[in-house]
Protein backbone atom coordinates (compact mmCIF):
# COMPACT_ATOMS: atom_id res chain seq x y z
CA MET A 1 255.19 -15.19 -53.18
CA SER A 2 255.22 -15.57 -56.98
CA VAL A 3 252.68 -16.44 -59.17
CA LYS A 4 253.35 -17.87 -62.96
CA ALA A 5 251.65 -14.58 -64.00
CA ILE A 6 250.56 -11.58 -62.97
CA GLN A 7 246.73 -10.80 -64.41
CA LEU A 8 244.13 -8.49 -64.49
CA GLY A 9 241.47 -8.89 -61.62
CA GLN A 10 244.05 -10.63 -59.26
CA VAL A 11 243.96 -9.63 -55.40
CA TRP A 12 246.99 -8.74 -53.73
CA ARG A 13 247.52 -7.86 -50.42
CA LYS A 14 249.71 -5.03 -48.85
CA ASP A 15 251.67 -6.52 -46.25
CA ASP A 16 252.28 -4.02 -44.10
CA THR A 17 248.90 -2.93 -43.63
CA GLY A 18 247.12 -5.87 -45.04
CA GLU A 19 244.39 -3.62 -47.18
CA THR A 20 243.31 -5.61 -50.09
CA PHE A 21 244.24 -4.46 -54.05
CA LEU A 22 242.88 -5.29 -56.77
CA VAL A 23 245.15 -5.10 -60.63
CA THR A 24 243.54 -3.10 -62.84
CA LYS A 25 246.41 -2.56 -65.59
CA LEU A 26 249.31 -3.80 -66.42
CA TYR A 27 251.80 -2.28 -69.41
CA ASN A 28 255.40 -2.52 -70.33
CA GLU A 29 257.75 -0.34 -70.48
CA VAL A 30 261.03 -1.46 -72.63
CA PHE A 31 262.57 -3.82 -70.60
CA ALA A 32 260.13 -3.74 -67.48
CA GLN A 33 256.58 -4.71 -66.60
CA TYR A 34 254.31 -2.34 -64.21
CA ALA A 35 251.19 -2.86 -62.98
CA MET A 36 248.70 -0.62 -61.51
CA LEU A 37 246.56 -0.99 -57.94
CA ARG A 38 243.70 -0.29 -56.83
CA ALA A 39 241.93 -0.66 -53.38
CA ALA A 40 239.54 -2.93 -53.75
CA LYS A 41 237.27 -1.86 -50.37
CA SER A 42 237.22 1.80 -52.11
CA ALA A 43 235.42 3.61 -54.95
CA ALA A 44 235.91 3.60 -58.53
CA SER A 45 237.74 6.85 -58.51
CA SER A 46 240.20 6.22 -55.68
CA GLU A 47 243.77 6.95 -56.28
CA THR A 48 246.13 4.00 -58.05
CA ILE A 49 249.08 2.60 -57.03
CA ARG A 50 251.82 2.03 -59.64
CA LEU A 51 254.10 -1.18 -59.02
CA LYS A 52 257.16 -2.79 -61.12
CA VAL A 53 256.74 -6.32 -61.59
CA GLN A 54 259.30 -8.16 -60.22
CA ARG A 55 260.48 -11.08 -62.07
CA THR A 56 262.04 -14.11 -60.27
CA SER A 57 262.85 -17.68 -61.63
CA ASP A 58 259.57 -18.97 -59.67
CA GLY A 59 257.23 -16.58 -62.03
CA ALA A 60 256.57 -12.71 -61.10
CA THR A 61 255.66 -10.78 -58.06
CA LEU A 62 254.93 -7.54 -56.38
CA PRO A 63 256.97 -6.28 -53.92
CA GLY A 64 255.84 -5.70 -50.61
CA TYR A 65 251.80 -7.44 -51.66
CA THR A 66 251.45 -11.04 -50.74
CA PHE A 67 249.15 -12.95 -53.39
CA THR A 68 245.58 -13.80 -51.79
CA GLN A 69 243.49 -15.67 -53.93
CA ASP A 70 245.29 -19.09 -52.92
CA SER A 71 244.28 -18.39 -49.54
CA SER A 72 240.79 -18.37 -47.92
CA GLU A 73 242.55 -14.88 -46.12
CA PHE A 74 240.98 -12.24 -48.63
């Protein structure tokens, strides 16, 4: 599922495990944008995940993750 723009504080669900993640940082490198994710139910010192943002004609998405804030499933 694509969103218009990926923003800090958004919640995304990992497709294979169902675990929820929070977008904590976004940054650009030359021709790509990256998002840093942290598990929503863990401590602030937990490990982060770095994902390359995929651009589509509909907007942006994180591969392997589904945006959850449009549904009541989070």
